[in-house]
Amino acid sequence: EGEKYLELFGLTGKVNLADAELSNANDALKNGQIDGFVTAGSWPA
């Protein structure tokens, strides 16, 4: 879904996509390796 939205809103190729598993998102965010992440699930996630 996240990939679809990037395409819909003209962001394909303009966002750097990190090559990692979503389970590593919080550590990568803390370390500044990524600026953000996309996740889908029930809220609060």
PDB file of all heavy atoms in Angstrom:
ATOM      1  N   GLU A   1       0.831  -1.207   0.000  1.00  0.00           N
ATOM      2  CA  GLU A   1       0.000   0.000   0.000  1.00  0.00           C
ATOM      3  C   GLU A   1       0.863   1.254   0.000  1.00  0.00           C
ATOM      4  O   GLU A   1       0.582   2.226  -0.702  1.00  0.00           O
ATOM      5  CB  GLU A   1      -0.924  -0.022   1.235  1.00  0.00           C
ATOM      6  CG  GLU A   1      -2.070   0.944   1.164  1.00  0.00           C
ATOM      7  CD  GLU A   1      -3.235   0.466   0.312  1.00  0.00           C
ATOM      8  OE1 GLU A   1      -3.088  -0.532  -0.421  1.00  0.00           O
ATOM      9  OE2 GLU A   1      -4.295   1.102   0.381  1.00  0.00           O
ATOM     10  N   GLY A   2       1.940   1.240   0.793  1.00  0.00           N
ATOM     11  CA  GLY A   2       2.840   2.389   0.847  1.00  0.00           C
ATOM     12  C   GLY A   2       3.459   2.683  -0.502  1.00  0.00           C
ATOM     13  O   GLY A   2       3.553   3.845  -0.932  1.00  0.00           O
ATOM     14  N   GLU A   3       3.869   1.626  -1.198  1.00  0.00           N
ATOM     15  CA  GLU A   3       4.452   1.792  -2.529  1.00  0.00           C
ATOM     16  C   GLU A   3       3.423   2.373  -3.502  1.00  0.00           C
ATOM     17  O   GLU A   3       3.731   3.231  -4.336  1.00  0.00           O
ATOM     18  CB  GLU A   3       4.958   0.436  -3.033  1.00  0.00           C
ATOM     19  CG  GLU A   3       5.817   0.522  -4.279  1.00  0.00           C
ATOM     20  CD  GLU A   3       6.454  -0.813  -4.633  1.00  0.00           C
ATOM     21  OE1 GLU A   3       6.356  -1.762  -3.821  1.00  0.00           O
ATOM     22  OE2 GLU A   3       7.044  -0.904  -5.720  1.00  0.00           O
ATOM     23  N   LYS A   4       2.192   1.906  -3.371  1.00  0.00           N
ATOM     24  CA  LYS A   4       1.110   2.412  -4.225  1.00  0.00           C
ATOM     25  C   LYS A   4       0.889   3.915  -4.002  1.00  0.00           C
ATOM     26  O   LYS A   4       0.706   4.682  -4.948  1.00  0.00           O
ATOM     27  CB  LYS A   4      -0.184   1.645  -3.933  1.00  0.00           C
ATOM     28  CG  LYS A   4      -1.372   2.082  -4.787  1.00  0.00           C
ATOM     29  CD  LYS A   4      -2.621   1.295  -4.431  1.00  0.00           C
ATOM     30  CE  LYS A   4      -3.470   2.047  -3.416  1.00  0.00           C
ATOM     31  NZ  LYS A   4      -4.777   1.397  -3.186  1.00  0.00           N
ATOM     32  N   TYR A   5       0.941   4.336  -2.737  1.00  0.00           N
ATOM     33  CA  TYR A   5       0.703   5.749  -2.420  1.00  0.00           C
ATOM     34  C   TYR A   5       1.831   6.631  -2.949  1.00  0.00           C
ATOM     35  O   TYR A   5       1.588   7.740  -3.409  1.00  0.00           O
ATOM     36  CB  TYR A   5       0.558   5.950  -0.915  1.00  0.00           C
ATOM     37  CG  TYR A   5      -0.724   5.395  -0.319  1.00  0.00           C
ATOM     38  CD1 TYR A   5      -1.493   4.449  -1.019  1.00  0.00           C
ATOM     39  CD2 TYR A   5      -1.166   5.782   0.926  1.00  0.00           C
ATOM     40  CE1 TYR A   5      -2.649   3.924  -0.472  1.00  0.00           C
ATOM     41  CE2 TYR A   5      -2.334   5.274   1.470  1.00  0.00           C
ATOM     42  CZ  TYR A   5      -3.070   4.341   0.766  1.00  0.00           C
ATOM     43  OH  TYR A   5      -4.223   3.824   1.297  1.00  0.00           O
ATOM     44  N   LEU A   6       3.063   6.138  -2.879  1.00  0.00           N
ATOM     45  CA  LEU A   6       4.180   6.912  -3.419  1.00  0.00           C
ATOM     46  C   LEU A   6       3.973   7.171  -4.909  1.00  0.00           C
ATOM     47  O   LEU A   6       4.228   8.277  -5.406  1.00  0.00           O
ATOM     48  CB  LEU A   6       5.504   6.181  -3.182  1.00  0.00           C
ATOM     49  CG  LEU A   6       5.971   6.029  -1.733  1.00  0.00           C
ATOM     50  CD1 LEU A   6       7.323   5.330  -1.689  1.00  0.00           C
ATOM     51  CD2 LEU A   6       6.039   7.371  -1.011  1.00  0.00           C
ATOM     52  N   GLU A   7       3.486   6.143  -5.599  1.00  0.00           N
ATOM     53  CA  GLU A   7       3.234   6.301  -7.033  1.00  0.00           C
ATOM     54  C   GLU A   7       2.068   7.254  -7.282  1.00  0.00           C
ATOM     55  O   GLU A   7       2.134   8.142  -8.152  1.00  0.00           O
ATOM     56  CB  GLU A   7       2.947   4.941  -7.665  1.00  0.00           C
ATOM     57  CG  GLU A   7       2.752   5.004  -9.175  1.00  0.00           C
ATOM     58  CD  GLU A   7       2.588   3.617  -9.795  1.00  0.00           C
ATOM     59  OE1 GLU A   7       2.807   2.616  -9.099  1.00  0.00           O
ATOM     60  OE2 GLU A   7       2.222   3.566 -10.992  1.00  0.00           O
ATOM     61  N   LEU A   8       0.984   7.087  -6.497  1.00  0.00           N
ATOM     62  CA  LEU A   8      -0.190   7.929  -6.664  1.00  0.00           C
ATOM     63  C   LEU A   8       0.119   9.412  -6.500  1.00  0.00           C
ATOM     64  O   LEU A   8      -0.426  10.261  -7.220  1.00  0.00           O
ATOM     65  CB  LEU A   8      -1.264   7.545  -5.633  1.00  0.00           C
ATOM     66  CG  LEU A   8      -2.209   6.394  -5.953  1.00  0.00           C
ATOM     67  CD1 LEU A   8      -3.110   6.124  -4.772  1.00  0.00           C
ATOM     68  CD2 LEU A   8      -3.040   6.700  -7.195  1.00  0.00           C
ATOM     69  N   PHE A   9       0.999   9.714  -5.560  1.00  0.00           N
ATOM     70  CA  PHE A   9       1.253  11.108  -5.213  1.00  0.00           C
ATOM     71  C   PHE A   9       2.558  11.652  -5.781  1.00  0.00           C
ATOM     72  O   PHE A   9       3.125  12.627  -5.297  1.00  0.00           O
ATOM     73  CB  PHE A   9       1.211  11.282  -3.689  1.00  0.00           C
ATOM     74  CG  PHE A   9      -0.077  10.760  -3.086  1.00  0.00           C
ATOM     75  CD1 PHE A   9      -0.058   9.911  -1.985  1.00  0.00           C
ATOM     76  CD2 PHE A   9      -1.303  11.079  -3.649  1.00  0.00           C
ATOM     77  CE1 PHE A   9      -1.239   9.421  -1.449  1.00  0.00           C
ATOM     78  CE2 PHE A   9      -2.494  10.587  -3.114  1.00  0.00           C
ATOM     79  CZ  PHE A   9      -2.465   9.751  -2.016  1.00  0.00           C
ATOM     80  N   GLY A  10       3.057  10.979  -6.834  1.00  0.00           N
ATOM     81  CA  GLY A  10       4.204  11.486  -7.565  1.00  0.00           C
ATOM     82  C   GLY A  10       5.519  11.431  -6.821  1.00  0.00           C
ATOM     83  O   GLY A  10       6.418  12.232  -7.075  1.00  0.00           O
ATOM     84  N   LEU A  11       5.661  10.464  -5.906  1.00  0.00           N
ATOM     85  CA  LEU A  11       6.875  10.378  -5.096  1.00  0.00           C
ATOM     86  C   LEU A  11       7.769   9.195  -5.472  1.00  0.00           C
ATOM     87  O   LEU A  11       8.831   9.014  -4.879  1.00  0.00           O
ATOM     88  CB  LEU A  11       6.495  10.289  -3.605  1.00  0.00           C
ATOM     89  CG  LEU A  11       5.885  11.563  -3.003  1.00  0.00           C
ATOM     90  CD1 LEU A  11       5.281  11.270  -1.636  1.00  0.00           C
ATOM     91  CD2 LEU A  11       6.922  12.666  -2.899  1.00  0.00           C
ATOM     92  N   THR A  12       7.341   8.398  -6.440  1.00  0.00           N
ATOM     93  CA  THR A  12       8.174   7.275  -6.868  1.00  0.00           C
ATOM     94  C   THR A  12       9.512   7.779  -7.401  1.00  0.00           C
ATOM     95  O   THR A  12       9.566   8.675  -8.244  1.00  0.00           O
ATOM     96  CB  THR A  12       7.465   6.466  -7.968  1.00  0.00           C
ATOM     97  OG1 THR A  12       6.219   5.974  -7.459  1.00  0.00           O
ATOM     98  CG2 THR A  12       8.313   5.288  -8.408  1.00  0.00           C
ATOM     99  N   GLY A  13      10.597   7.229  -6.870  1.00  0.00           N
ATOM    100  CA  GLY A  13      11.935   7.649  -7.280  1.00  0.00           C
ATOM    101  C   GLY A  13      12.421   8.897  -6.584  1.00  0.00           C
ATOM    102  O   GLY A  13      13.600   9.273  -6.715  1.00  0.00           O
ATOM    103  N   LYS A  14      11.536   9.539  -5.822  1.00  0.00           N
ATOM    104  CA  LYS A  14      11.921  10.761  -5.109  1.00  0.00           C
ATOM    105  C   LYS A  14      12.116  10.522  -3.615  1.00  0.00           C
ATOM    106  O   LYS A  14      12.583  11.393  -2.895  1.00  0.00           O
ATOM    107  CB  LYS A  14      10.852  11.848  -5.311  1.00  0.00           C
ATOM    108  CG  LYS A  14      10.677  12.268  -6.761  1.00  0.00           C
ATOM    109  CD  LYS A  14       9.570  13.297  -6.910  1.00  0.00           C
ATOM    110  CE  LYS A  14       9.374  13.690  -8.367  1.00  0.00           C
ATOM    111  NZ  LYS A  14       8.269  14.679  -8.532  1.00  0.00           N
ATOM    112  N   VAL A  15      11.742   9.333  -3.181  1.00  0.00           N
ATOM    113  CA  VAL A  15      11.934   8.931  -1.790  1.00  0.00           C
ATOM    114  C   VAL A  15      12.952   7.797  -1.774  1.00  0.00           C
ATOM    115  O   VAL A  15      12.852   6.855  -2.557  1.00  0.00           O
ATOM    116  CB  VAL A  15      10.604   8.469  -1.149  1.00  0.00           C
ATOM    117  CG1 VAL A  15      10.839   7.909   0.248  1.00  0.00           C
ATOM    118  CG2 VAL A  15       9.591   9.603  -1.111  1.00  0.00           C
ATOM    119  N   ASN A  16      13.927   7.883  -0.900  1.00  0.00           N
ATOM    120  CA  ASN A  16      14.935   6.828  -0.776  1.00  0.00           C
ATOM    121  C   ASN A  16      14.348   5.689   0.062  1.00  0.00           C
ATOM    122  O   ASN A  16      14.010   5.894   1.229  1.00  0.00           O
ATOM    123  CB  ASN A  16      16.202   7.372  -0.104  1.00  0.00           C
ATOM    124  CG  ASN A  16      16.778   8.553  -0.857  1.00  0.00           C
ATOM    125  OD1 ASN A  16      16.871   8.537  -2.079  1.00  0.00           O
ATOM    126  ND2 ASN A  16      17.153   9.596  -0.122  1.00  0.00           N
ATOM    127  N   LEU A  17      14.236   4.519  -0.536  1.00  0.00           N
ATOM    128  CA  LEU A  17      13.641   3.389   0.169  1.00  0.00           C
ATOM    129  C   LEU A  17      14.725   2.550   0.830  1.00  0.00           C
ATOM    130  O   LEU A  17      15.633   2.055   0.165  1.00  0.00           O
ATOM    131  CB  LEU A  17      12.835   2.528  -0.805  1.00  0.00           C
ATOM    132  CG  LEU A  17      11.653   3.241  -1.491  1.00  0.00           C
ATOM    133  CD1 LEU A  17      10.931   2.279  -2.421  1.00  0.00           C
ATOM    134  CD2 LEU A  17      10.688   3.808  -0.452  1.00  0.00           C
ATOM    135  N   ALA A  18      14.615   2.415   2.136  1.00  0.00           N
ATOM    136  CA  ALA A  18      15.598   1.650   2.899  1.00  0.00           C
ATOM    137  C   ALA A  18      15.383   0.157   2.664  1.00  0.00           C
ATOM    138  O   ALA A  18      14.246  -0.322   2.627  1.00  0.00           O
ATOM    139  CB  ALA A  18      15.475   1.965   4.380  1.00  0.00           C
ATOM    140  N   ASP A  19      16.474  -0.581   2.524  1.00  0.00           N
ATOM    141  CA  ASP A  19      16.411  -2.022   2.289  1.00  0.00           C
ATOM    142  C   ASP A  19      16.582  -2.734   3.625  1.00  0.00           C
ATOM    143  O   ASP A  19      17.685  -3.130   4.012  1.00  0.00           O
ATOM    144  CB  ASP A  19      17.499  -2.442   1.309  1.00  0.00           C
ATOM    145  CG  ASP A  19      17.407  -3.922   0.960  1.00  0.00           C
ATOM    146  OD1 ASP A  19      16.340  -4.516   1.202  1.00  0.00           O
ATOM    147  OD2 ASP A  19      18.408  -4.485   0.467  1.00  0.00           O
ATOM    148  N   ALA A  20      15.486  -2.879   4.340  1.00  0.00           N
ATOM    149  CA  ALA A  20      15.530  -3.527   5.659  1.00  0.00           C
ATOM    150  C   ALA A  20      14.141  -4.034   6.003  1.00  0.00           C
ATOM    151  O   ALA A  20      13.153  -3.678   5.363  1.00  0.00           O
ATOM    152  CB  ALA A  20      16.023  -2.535   6.713  1.00  0.00           C
ATOM    153  N   GLU A  21      14.055  -4.869   7.013  1.00  0.00           N
ATOM    154  CA  GLU A  21      12.776  -5.387   7.486  1.00  0.00           C
ATOM    155  C   GLU A  21      12.110  -4.359   8.391  1.00  0.00           C
ATOM    156  O   GLU A  21      12.785  -3.612   9.099  1.00  0.00           O
ATOM    157  CB  GLU A  21      12.978  -6.692   8.254  1.00  0.00           C
ATOM    158  CG  GLU A  21      13.558  -7.824   7.422  1.00  0.00           C
ATOM    159  CD  GLU A  21      12.622  -8.285   6.323  1.00  0.00           C
ATOM    160  OE1 GLU A  21      11.386  -8.119   6.494  1.00  0.00           O
ATOM    161  OE2 GLU A  21      13.106  -8.793   5.297  1.00  0.00           O
ATOM    162  N   LEU A  22      10.789  -4.365   8.384  1.00  0.00           N
ATOM    163  CA  LEU A  22      10.043  -3.402   9.201  1.00  0.00           C
ATOM    164  C   LEU A  22      10.308  -3.588  10.695  1.00  0.00           C
ATOM    165  O   LEU A  22      10.231  -2.642  11.475  1.00  0.00           O
ATOM    166  CB  LEU A  22       8.545  -3.534   8.914  1.00  0.00           C
ATOM    167  CG  LEU A  22       7.643  -2.434   9.477  1.00  0.00           C
ATOM    168  CD1 LEU A  22       8.021  -1.068   8.921  1.00  0.00           C
ATOM    169  CD2 LEU A  22       6.178  -2.748   9.173  1.00  0.00           C
ATOM    170  N   SER A  23      10.669  -4.801  11.079  1.00  0.00           N
ATOM    171  CA  SER A  23      10.961  -5.069  12.497  1.00  0.00           C
ATOM    172  C   SER A  23      12.157  -4.261  12.990  1.00  0.00           C
ATOM    173  O   SER A  23      12.342  -4.083  14.192  1.00  0.00           O
ATOM    174  CB  SER A  23      11.221  -6.559  12.707  1.00  0.00           C
ATOM    175  OG  SER A  23      12.277  -7.016  11.873  1.00  0.00           O
ATOM    176  N   ASN A  24      12.977  -3.772  12.065  1.00  0.00           N
ATOM    177  CA  ASN A  24      14.153  -2.966  12.447  1.00  0.00           C
ATOM    178  C   ASN A  24      13.878  -1.467  12.422  1.00  0.00           C
ATOM    179  O   ASN A  24      14.790  -0.667  12.630  1.00  0.00           O
ATOM    180  CB  ASN A  24      15.316  -3.256  11.480  1.00  0.00           C
ATOM    181  CG  ASN A  24      15.740  -4.716  11.510  1.00  0.00           C
ATOM    182  OD1 ASN A  24      15.734  -5.341  12.569  1.00  0.00           O
ATOM    183  ND2 ASN A  24      16.089  -5.263  10.361  1.00  0.00           N
ATOM    184  N   ALA A  25      12.634  -1.083  12.163  1.00  0.00           N
ATOM    185  CA  ALA A  25      12.315   0.328  11.934  1.00  0.00           C
ATOM    186  C   ALA A  25      12.657   1.225  13.112  1.00  0.00           C
ATOM    187  O   ALA A  25      13.256   2.293  12.942  1.00  0.00           O
ATOM    188  CB  ALA A  25      10.838   0.473  11.578  1.00  0.00           C
ATOM    189  N   ASN A  26      12.307   0.816  14.320  1.00  0.00           N
ATOM    190  CA  ASN A  26      12.526   1.698  15.468  1.00  0.00           C
ATOM    191  C   ASN A  26      14.003   1.922  15.760  1.00  0.00           C
ATOM    192  O   ASN A  26      14.421   3.052  16.041  1.00  0.00           O
ATOM    193  CB  ASN A  26      11.801   1.156  16.708  1.00  0.00           C
ATOM    194  CG  ASN A  26      10.348   1.602  16.746  1.00  0.00           C
ATOM    195  OD1 ASN A  26      10.047   2.787  16.626  1.00  0.00           O
ATOM    196  ND2 ASN A  26       9.448   0.656  16.884  1.00  0.00           N
ATOM    197  N   ASP A  27      14.787   0.857  15.664  1.00  0.00           N
ATOM    198  CA  ASP A  27      16.234   1.017  15.880  1.00  0.00           C
ATOM    199  C   ASP A  27      16.836   1.920  14.807  1.00  0.00           C
ATOM    200  O   ASP A  27      17.661   2.786  15.100  1.00  0.00           O
ATOM    201  CB  ASP A  27      16.931  -0.350  15.857  1.00  0.00           C
ATOM    202  CG  ASP A  27      16.661  -1.159  17.118  1.00  0.00           C
ATOM    203  OD1 ASP A  27      16.296  -0.544  18.140  1.00  0.00           O
ATOM    204  OD2 ASP A  27      16.799  -2.396  17.070  1.00  0.00           O
ATOM    205  N   ALA A  28      16.413   1.715  13.562  1.00  0.00           N
ATOM    206  CA  ALA A  28      16.936   2.529  12.460  1.00  0.00           C
ATOM    207  C   ALA A  28      16.529   3.988  12.607  1.00  0.00           C
ATOM    208  O   ALA A  28      17.300   4.903  12.278  1.00  0.00           O
ATOM    209  CB  ALA A  28      16.439   1.978  11.127  1.00  0.00           C
ATOM    210  N   LEU A  29      15.328   4.209  13.129  1.00  0.00           N
ATOM    211  CA  LEU A  29      14.851   5.584  13.337  1.00  0.00           C
ATOM    212  C   LEU A  29      15.662   6.265  14.440  1.00  0.00           C
ATOM    213  O   LEU A  29      16.079   7.420  14.302  1.00  0.00           O
ATOM    214  CB  LEU A  29      13.361   5.556  13.705  1.00  0.00           C
ATOM    215  CG  LEU A  29      12.577   6.854  13.511  1.00  0.00           C
ATOM    216  CD1 LEU A  29      12.489   7.213  12.032  1.00  0.00           C
ATOM    217  CD2 LEU A  29      11.162   6.698  14.098  1.00  0.00           C
ATOM    218  N   LYS A  30      15.900   5.541  15.530  1.00  0.00           N
ATOM    219  CA  LYS A  30      16.693   6.095  16.639  1.00  0.00           C
ATOM    220  C   LYS A  30      18.110   6.439  16.204  1.00  0.00           C
ATOM    221  O   LYS A  30      18.669   7.461  16.620  1.00  0.00           O
ATOM    222  CB  LYS A  30      16.770   5.070  17.791  1.00  0.00           C
ATOM    223  CG  LYS A  30      15.508   4.895  18.592  1.00  0.00           C
ATOM    224  CD  LYS A  30      15.734   3.823  19.659  1.00  0.00           C
ATOM    225  CE  LYS A  30      14.441   3.416  20.315  1.00  0.00           C
ATOM    226  NZ  LYS A  30      14.650   2.295  21.274  1.00  0.00           N
ATOM    227  N   ASN A  31      18.677   5.576  15.370  1.00  0.00           N
ATOM    228  CA  ASN A  31      20.066   5.767  14.940  1.00  0.00           C
ATOM    229  C   ASN A  31      20.211   6.765  13.797  1.00  0.00           C
ATOM    230  O   ASN A  31      21.331   7.023  13.335  1.00  0.00           O
ATOM    231  CB  ASN A  31      20.667   4.420  14.502  1.00  0.00           C
ATOM    232  CG  ASN A  31      20.716   3.419  15.648  1.00  0.00           C
ATOM    233  OD1 ASN A  31      20.775   3.811  16.805  1.00  0.00           O
ATOM    234  ND2 ASN A  31      20.668   2.137  15.318  1.00  0.00           N
ATOM    235  N   GLY A  32      19.087   7.280  13.305  1.00  0.00           N
ATOM    236  CA  GLY A  32      19.140   8.236  12.208  1.00  0.00           C
ATOM    237  C   GLY A  32      19.414   7.613  10.853  1.00  0.00           C
ATOM    238  O   GLY A  32      19.705   8.314   9.890  1.00  0.00           O
ATOM    239  N   GLN A  33      19.307   6.284  10.765  1.00  0.00           N
ATOM    240  CA  GLN A  33      19.535   5.613   9.485  1.00  0.00           C
ATOM    241  C   GLN A  33      18.369   5.838   8.516  1.00  0.00           C
ATOM    242  O   GLN A  33      18.536   5.766   7.310  1.00  0.00           O
ATOM    243  CB  GLN A  33      19.742   4.118   9.714  1.00  0.00           C
ATOM    244  CG  GLN A  33      21.006   3.781  10.492  1.00  0.00           C
ATOM    245  CD  GLN A  33      21.036   2.310  10.889  1.00  0.00           C
ATOM    246  OE1 GLN A  33      20.217   1.841  11.680  1.00  0.00           O
ATOM    247  NE2 GLN A  33      21.977   1.577  10.311  1.00  0.00           N
ATOM    248  N   ILE A  34      17.191   6.068   9.074  1.00  0.00           N
ATOM    249  CA  ILE A  34      16.017   6.376   8.260  1.00  0.00           C
ATOM    250  C   ILE A  34      15.332   7.603   8.846  1.00  0.00           C
ATOM    251  O   ILE A  34      15.534   7.951  10.017  1.00  0.00           O
ATOM    252  CB  ILE A  34      15.015   5.200   8.209  1.00  0.00           C
ATOM    253  CG1 ILE A  34      14.513   4.846   9.614  1.00  0.00           C
ATOM    254  CG2 ILE A  34      15.629   3.983   7.530  1.00  0.00           C
ATOM    255  CD1 ILE A  34      13.385   3.808   9.629  1.00  0.00           C
ATOM    256  N   ASP A  35      14.520   8.245   8.007  1.00  0.00           N
ATOM    257  CA  ASP A  35      13.743   9.406   8.468  1.00  0.00           C
ATOM    258  C   ASP A  35      12.331   9.012   8.865  1.00  0.00           C
ATOM    259  O   ASP A  35      11.639   9.785   9.544  1.00  0.00           O
ATOM    260  CB  ASP A  35      13.677  10.463   7.354  1.00  0.00           C
ATOM    261  CG  ASP A  35      15.047  10.991   6.973  1.00  0.00           C
ATOM    262  OD1 ASP A  35      15.709  11.562   7.853  1.00  0.00           O
ATOM    263  OD2 ASP A  35      15.452  10.806   5.804  1.00  0.00           O
ATOM    264  N   GLY A  36      11.903   7.842   8.428  1.00  0.00           N
ATOM    265  CA  GLY A  36      10.548   7.420   8.750  1.00  0.00           C
ATOM    266  C   GLY A  36      10.269   6.018   8.257  1.00  0.00           C
ATOM    267  O   GLY A  36      11.116   5.378   7.616  1.00  0.00           O
ATOM    268  N   PHE A  37       9.090   5.541   8.573  1.00  0.00           N
ATOM    269  CA  PHE A  37       8.678   4.219   8.100  1.00  0.00           C
ATOM    270  C   PHE A  37       7.169   4.204   7.885  1.00  0.00           C
ATOM    271  O   PHE A  37       6.435   5.050   8.396  1.00  0.00           O
ATOM    272  CB  PHE A  37       9.108   3.111   9.061  1.00  0.00           C
ATOM    273  CG  PHE A  37       8.505   3.180  10.446  1.00  0.00           C
ATOM    274  CD1 PHE A  37       7.303   2.523  10.739  1.00  0.00           C
ATOM    275  CD2 PHE A  37       9.143   3.879  11.471  1.00  0.00           C
ATOM    276  CE1 PHE A  37       6.761   2.562  12.021  1.00  0.00           C
ATOM    277  CE2 PHE A  37       8.596   3.934  12.752  1.00  0.00           C
ATOM    278  CZ  PHE A  37       7.411   3.270  13.031  1.00  0.00           C
ATOM    279  N   VAL A  38       6.736   3.233   7.094  1.00  0.00           N
ATOM    280  CA  VAL A  38       5.317   3.060   6.803  1.00  0.00           C
ATOM    281  C   VAL A  38       4.882   1.711   7.357  1.00  0.00           C
ATOM    282  O   VAL A  38       5.550   0.700   7.140  1.00  0.00           O
ATOM    283  CB  VAL A  38       5.046   3.124   5.287  1.00  0.00           C
ATOM    284  CG1 VAL A  38       3.563   2.901   4.992  1.00  0.00           C
ATOM    285  CG2 VAL A  38       5.517   4.455   4.713  1.00  0.00           C
ATOM    286  N   THR A  39       3.775   1.705   8.079  1.00  0.00           N
ATOM    287  CA  THR A  39       3.296   0.463   8.661  1.00  0.00           C
ATOM    288  C   THR A  39       1.776   0.434   8.614  1.00  0.00           C
ATOM    289  O   THR A  39       1.130   1.483   8.624  1.00  0.00           O
ATOM    290  CB  THR A  39       3.798   0.300  10.112  1.00  0.00           C
ATOM    291  OG1 THR A  39       3.435  -0.991  10.605  1.00  0.00           O
ATOM    292  CG2 THR A  39       3.212   1.355  11.030  1.00  0.00           C
ATOM    293  N   ALA A  40       1.214  -0.751   8.534  1.00  0.00           N
ATOM    294  CA  ALA A  40      -0.243  -0.911   8.547  1.00  0.00           C
ATOM    295  C   ALA A  40      -0.609  -1.940   9.597  1.00  0.00           C
ATOM    296  O   ALA A  40       0.015  -2.992   9.695  1.00  0.00           O
ATOM    297  CB  ALA A  40      -0.751  -1.348   7.179  1.00  0.00           C
ATOM    298  N   GLY A  41      -1.614  -1.619  10.370  1.00  0.00           N
ATOM    299  CA  GLY A  41      -2.079  -2.537  11.404  1.00  0.00           C
ATOM    300  C   GLY A  41      -3.171  -1.850  12.191  1.00  0.00           C
ATOM    301  O   GLY A  41      -3.578  -0.735  11.868  1.00  0.00           O
ATOM    302  N   SER A  42      -3.666  -2.527  13.184  1.00  0.00           N
ATOM    303  CA  SER A  42      -4.681  -1.909  14.026  1.00  0.00           C
ATOM    304  C   SER A  42      -4.054  -0.757  14.801  1.00  0.00           C
ATOM    305  O   SER A  42      -2.854  -0.736  15.047  1.00  0.00           O
ATOM    306  CB  SER A  42      -5.226  -2.949  14.998  1.00  0.00           C
ATOM    307  OG  SER A  42      -4.139  -3.534  15.697  1.00  0.00           O
ATOM    308  N   TRP A  43      -4.887   0.214  15.161  1.00  0.00           N
ATOM    309  CA  TRP A  43      -4.353   1.306  15.971  1.00  0.00           C
ATOM    310  C   TRP A  43      -4.927   1.201  17.387  1.00  0.00           C
ATOM    311  O   TRP A  43      -6.039   0.710  17.547  1.00  0.00           O
ATOM    312  CB  TRP A  43      -4.671   2.674  15.338  1.00  0.00           C
ATOM    313  CG  TRP A  43      -6.135   3.018  15.274  1.00  0.00           C
ATOM    314  CD1 TRP A  43      -7.016   2.789  14.255  1.00  0.00           C
ATOM    315  CD2 TRP A  43      -6.909   3.646  16.299  1.00  0.00           C
ATOM    316  NE1 TRP A  43      -8.272   3.219  14.565  1.00  0.00           N
ATOM    317  CE2 TRP A  43      -8.238   3.759  15.822  1.00  0.00           C
ATOM    318  CE3 TRP A  43      -6.622   4.137  17.582  1.00  0.00           C
ATOM    319  CZ2 TRP A  43      -9.279   4.325  16.576  1.00  0.00           C
ATOM    320  CZ3 TRP A  43      -7.657   4.705  18.339  1.00  0.00           C
ATOM    321  CH2 TRP A  43      -8.964   4.796  17.831  1.00  0.00           C
ATOM    322  N   PRO A  44      -4.159   1.632  18.391  1.00  0.00           N
ATOM    323  CA  PRO A  44      -2.778   2.121  18.311  1.00  0.00           C
ATOM    324  C   PRO A  44      -1.807   0.995  17.988  1.00  0.00           C
ATOM    325  O   PRO A  44      -1.879  -0.090  18.566  1.00  0.00           O
ATOM    326  CB  PRO A  44      -2.522   2.691  19.706  1.00  0.00           C
ATOM    327  CG  PRO A  44      -3.481   1.970  20.600  1.00  0.00           C
ATOM    328  CD  PRO A  44      -4.682   1.661  19.771  1.00  0.00           C
ATOM    329  N   ALA A  45      -0.894   1.267  17.049  1.00  0.00           N
ATOM    330  CA  ALA A  45       0.076   0.271  16.597  1.00  0.00           C
ATOM    331  C   ALA A  45       1.253   0.218  17.563  1.00  0.00           C
ATOM    332  O   ALA A  45       1.840   1.256  17.870  1.00  0.00           O
ATOM    333  CB  ALA A  45       0.568   0.634  15.199  1.00  0.00           C
TER     334      ALA A  45
END
